């Protein structure tokens, strides 16, 4: 059994060993790769990590409401298909905003089944590992502060998949953004200090 603290690194190193031409990127909370954000910049605003271009430009841009500043992520639902042609069909999530109002986003994509990721009141998401291929997000793995691992959901990563990790520890992932149509085409995350 893999340690929750290293599952994303193990996933990434396994893919890298399979293909030396793999495009692997690590995004950390000190690098905001996308300067366009839907939230007005301030000291309290979450950071937007992983530009929504990961996974392709197909689909429609999806983002949180610019009037709602996320504080804590409550839950995430992922709809996925496994196997060799697996992919993430959709994502939805619920967060509490700065006024402690519960906000629901999504589903972004096509729903088929409902595996939920429940986040305990005493834990939070610290890392998101993503693989993409053929202009779709093909797998997602979440690490929490517990430590616990949720995933990978979707297909097993293979040669030719692109991978990236958003590691925000000691902060937390509080919301997501991306692109979707029938499938989740791209994904990024908002991070903020744990409230």
Protein backbone atom coordinates (compact mmCIF):
# COMPACT_ATOMS: atom_id res chain seq x y z
CA UNK A 1 0.00 0.00 0.00
CA UNK A 2 1.32 3.44 -0.95
CA UNK A 3 1.72 6.27 1.55
CA UNK A 4 -0.78 9.11 1.08
CA UNK A 5 2.09 11.56 1.13
CA UNK A 6 3.76 10.04 -1.91
CA UNK A 7 0.97 8.70 -4.14
CA UNK A 8 1.16 11.62 -6.60
CA UNK A 9 4.94 11.34 -6.80
CA UNK A 10 4.66 7.57 -7.34
CA UNK A 11 2.09 8.11 -10.08
CA UNK A 12 4.32 10.68 -11.76
CA UNK A 13 7.51 8.62 -11.49
CA UNK A 14 5.75 5.52 -12.87
CA UNK A 15 4.59 7.46 -15.93
CA UNK A 16 8.01 9.06 -16.41
CA UNK A 17 9.70 5.64 -16.32
CA UNK A 18 7.33 4.40 -19.04
CA UNK A 19 8.03 7.29 -21.40
CA UNK A 20 10.98 9.63 -21.51
CA UNK A 21 8.99 11.97 -23.78
CA UNK A 22 6.23 12.48 -21.24
CA UNK A 23 5.37 16.10 -20.58
CA UNK A 24 5.27 16.29 -16.76
CA UNK A 25 4.73 19.54 -14.91
CA UNK A 26 4.61 20.28 -11.20
CA UNK A 27 2.65 23.33 -10.17
CA UNK A 28 3.14 24.65 -6.67
CA UNK A 29 1.28 27.34 -4.81
CA UNK A 30 4.07 29.87 -5.31
CA UNK A 31 3.55 29.92 -9.07
CA UNK A 32 0.37 31.35 -10.54
CA UNK A 33 0.58 30.19 -14.15
CA UNK A 34 -2.63 31.85 -15.25
CA UNK A 35 -2.84 35.57 -14.71
CA UNK A 36 -6.53 35.73 -15.62
CA UNK A 37 -8.56 35.10 -12.51
CA UNK A 38 -12.25 35.50 -11.92
CA UNK A 39 -11.71 36.78 -8.37
CA UNK A 40 -10.52 40.30 -7.69
CA UNK A 41 -6.89 40.05 -6.50
CA UNK A 42 -6.34 40.78 -2.82
CA UNK A 43 -4.41 39.38 0.10
CA UNK A 44 -7.42 37.20 0.99
CA UNK A 45 -8.17 35.97 -2.54
CA UNK A 46 -7.33 32.35 -3.34
CA UNK A 47 -4.55 31.62 -5.84
CA UNK A 48 -5.53 30.20 -9.22
CA UNK A 49 -3.22 27.30 -10.15
CA UNK A 50 -2.90 25.28 -13.32
CA UNK A 51 -4.24 27.23 -16.30
CA UNK A 52 -7.37 25.74 -17.78
CA UNK A 53 -5.47 24.93 -21.00
CA UNK A 54 -4.30 21.61 -19.55
CA UNK A 55 -6.03 18.85 -21.47
CA UNK A 56 -6.85 20.98 -24.51
CA UNK A 57 -8.96 23.93 -25.55
CA UNK A 58 -12.11 21.98 -26.34
CA UNK A 59 -15.21 22.51 -24.25
CA UNK A 60 -16.52 25.60 -22.51
CA UNK A 61 -14.61 27.46 -19.82
CA UNK A 62 -15.95 26.67 -16.33
CA UNK A 63 -15.21 28.72 -13.23
CA UNK A 64 -16.66 29.77 -9.91
CA UNK A 65 -18.81 32.88 -9.54
CA UNK A 66 -16.59 35.97 -9.30
CA UNK A 67 -18.71 37.26 -6.39
CA UNK A 68 -18.10 34.15 -4.30
CA UNK A 69 -14.65 33.83 -2.69
CA UNK A 70 -14.09 30.19 -1.63
CA UNK A 71 -12.82 29.49 1.89
CA UNK A 72 -13.21 25.72 2.47
CA UNK A 73 -13.99 22.82 0.14
CA UNK A 74 -16.76 20.60 1.53
CA UNK A 75 -17.10 17.82 -1.06
CA UNK A 76 -16.19 16.72 -4.58
CA UNK A 77 -18.09 14.37 -6.89
CA UNK A 78 -16.33 12.70 -9.82
CA UNK A 79 -17.99 10.78 -12.64
CA UNK A 80 -15.47 8.65 -14.52
CA UNK A 81 -14.96 5.77 -16.93
CA UNK A 82 -12.10 3.31 -16.37
CA UNK A 83 -10.32 1.00 -18.79
CA UNK A 84 -7.96 1.78 -21.66
CA UNK A 85 -10.18 4.55 -23.02
CA UNK A 86 -11.08 5.88 -19.57
CA UNK A 87 -11.58 9.53 -18.78
CA UNK A 88 -13.18 11.89 -16.29
CA UNK A 89 -16.72 12.54 -17.49
CA UNK A 90 -17.61 15.27 -14.99
CA UNK A 91 -16.81 17.03 -11.73
CA UNK A 92 -18.97 18.92 -9.26
CA UNK A 93 -18.05 20.33 -5.87
CA UNK A 94 -19.38 22.23 -2.90
CA UNK A 95 -17.47 24.86 -0.93
CA UNK A 96 -18.09 27.41 1.79
CA UNK A 97 -17.42 30.99 0.78
CA UNK A 98 -15.92 33.75 2.93
CA UNK A 99 -19.39 34.39 4.44
CA UNK A 100 -19.82 30.66 5.30
CA UNK A 101 -22.48 30.28 2.60
CA UNK A 102 -22.53 26.84 0.96
CA UNK A 103 -21.96 27.11 -2.83
CA UNK A 104 -22.52 24.26 -5.32
CA UNK A 105 -20.71 24.19 -8.66
CA UNK A 106 -21.27 21.82 -11.57
CA UNK A 107 -21.59 19.21 -12.67
CA UNK A 108 -19.20 20.19 -15.43
CA UNK A 109 -19.45 17.42 -18.04
CA UNK A 110 -21.72 14.36 -18.35
CA UNK A 111 -22.84 12.56 -15.19
CA UNK A 112 -22.85 8.77 -15.04
CA UNK A 113 -22.92 7.33 -11.51
CA UNK A 114 -22.02 9.33 -8.41
CA UNK A 115 -18.87 8.41 -6.50
CA UNK A 116 -18.42 11.13 -3.89
CA UNK A 117 -15.28 12.24 -2.16
CA UNK A 118 -16.30 13.25 1.34
CA UNK A 119 -13.93 15.57 3.10
CA UNK A 120 -14.08 15.33 6.88
CA UNK A 121 -14.58 18.50 8.91
CA UNK A 122 -11.03 18.00 10.24
CA UNK A 123 -9.29 17.50 6.87
CA UNK A 124 -8.71 19.34 3.59
CA UNK A 125 -7.31 18.68 0.10
CA UNK A 126 -3.59 19.36 -0.25
CA UNK A 127 -2.70 17.86 -3.63
CA UNK A 128 -4.32 17.19 -7.00
CA UNK A 129 -2.70 14.84 -9.52
CA UNK A 130 -4.04 14.91 -13.08
CA UNK A 131 -3.31 13.01 -16.28
CA UNK A 132 -4.56 14.07 -19.71
CA UNK A 133 -4.63 12.47 -23.16
CA UNK A 134 -6.56 13.09 -26.37
CA UNK A 135 -7.78 16.48 -25.11
CA UNK A 136 -9.49 14.96 -22.04
CA UNK A 137 -8.67 14.65 -18.37
CA UNK A 138 -8.09 10.91 -18.02
CA UNK A 139 -7.42 10.52 -14.28
CA UNK A 140 -7.63 12.45 -11.01
CA UNK A 141 -6.07 11.67 -7.63
CA UNK A 142 -6.64 13.78 -4.52
CA UNK A 143 -4.50 13.78 -1.36
CA UNK A 144 -5.81 15.15 1.92
CA UNK A 145 -4.26 16.42 5.14
CA UNK A 146 -5.35 13.23 6.99
CA UNK A 147 -3.31 11.86 5.09
CA UNK A 148 -5.72 10.01 2.81
CA UNK A 149 -5.79 9.32 -0.94
CA UNK A 150 -8.86 9.40 -3.19
CA UNK A 151 -8.11 7.83 -6.57
CA UNK A 152 -6.84 7.51 -9.09
CA UNK A 153 -10.26 7.86 -10.69
CA UNK A 154 -10.54 7.31 -14.44
CA UNK A 155 -8.05 5.21 -16.39
CA UNK A 156 -4.64 3.95 -15.36
CA UNK A 157 -1.95 6.36 -16.66
CA UNK A 158 0.00 5.09 -19.68
CA UNK A 159 2.81 6.11 -22.03
CA UNK A 160 1.89 9.31 -23.84
CA UNK A 161 -0.29 10.70 -21.05
CA UNK A 162 0.60 14.16 -19.82
CA UNK A 163 0.69 14.56 -16.05
CA UNK A 164 0.76 17.44 -13.63
CA UNK A 165 0.47 17.93 -9.89
CA UNK A 166 -0.91 20.88 -7.98
CA UNK A 167 0.66 20.65 -4.53
CA UNK A 168 -0.53 23.42 -2.19
CA UNK A 169 0.48 21.93 1.19
CA UNK A 170 0.33 23.48 3.84
CA UNK A 171 -2.51 25.45 2.17
CA UNK A 172 -5.67 23.77 0.90
CA UNK A 173 -7.52 23.40 -2.38
CA UNK A 174 -10.78 25.34 -2.00
CA UNK A 175 -12.36 25.21 -5.50
CA UNK A 176 -11.73 24.24 -9.13
CA UNK A 177 -11.95 25.67 -12.65
CA UNK A 178 -11.46 24.17 -16.10
CA UNK A 179 -13.10 23.32 -19.40
CA UNK A 180 -15.85 20.79 -20.10
CA UNK A 181 -18.38 19.62 -22.66
CA UNK A 182 -19.40 15.94 -22.63
CA UNK A 183 -16.15 15.27 -20.71
CA UNK A 184 -13.85 17.18 -18.39
CA UNK A 185 -11.31 18.64 -20.82
CA UNK A 186 -9.10 20.59 -18.41
CA UNK A 187 -8.86 21.34 -14.70
CA UNK A 188 -7.13 23.75 -12.35
CA UNK A 189 -7.56 24.61 -8.67
CA UNK A 190 -7.87 27.54 -6.32
CA UNK A 191 -5.78 27.39 -3.15
CA UNK A 192 -5.93 29.37 0.06
CA UNK A 193 -4.53 29.12 3.60
CA UNK A 194 -6.49 26.65 5.66
CA UNK A 195 -9.21 28.56 7.52
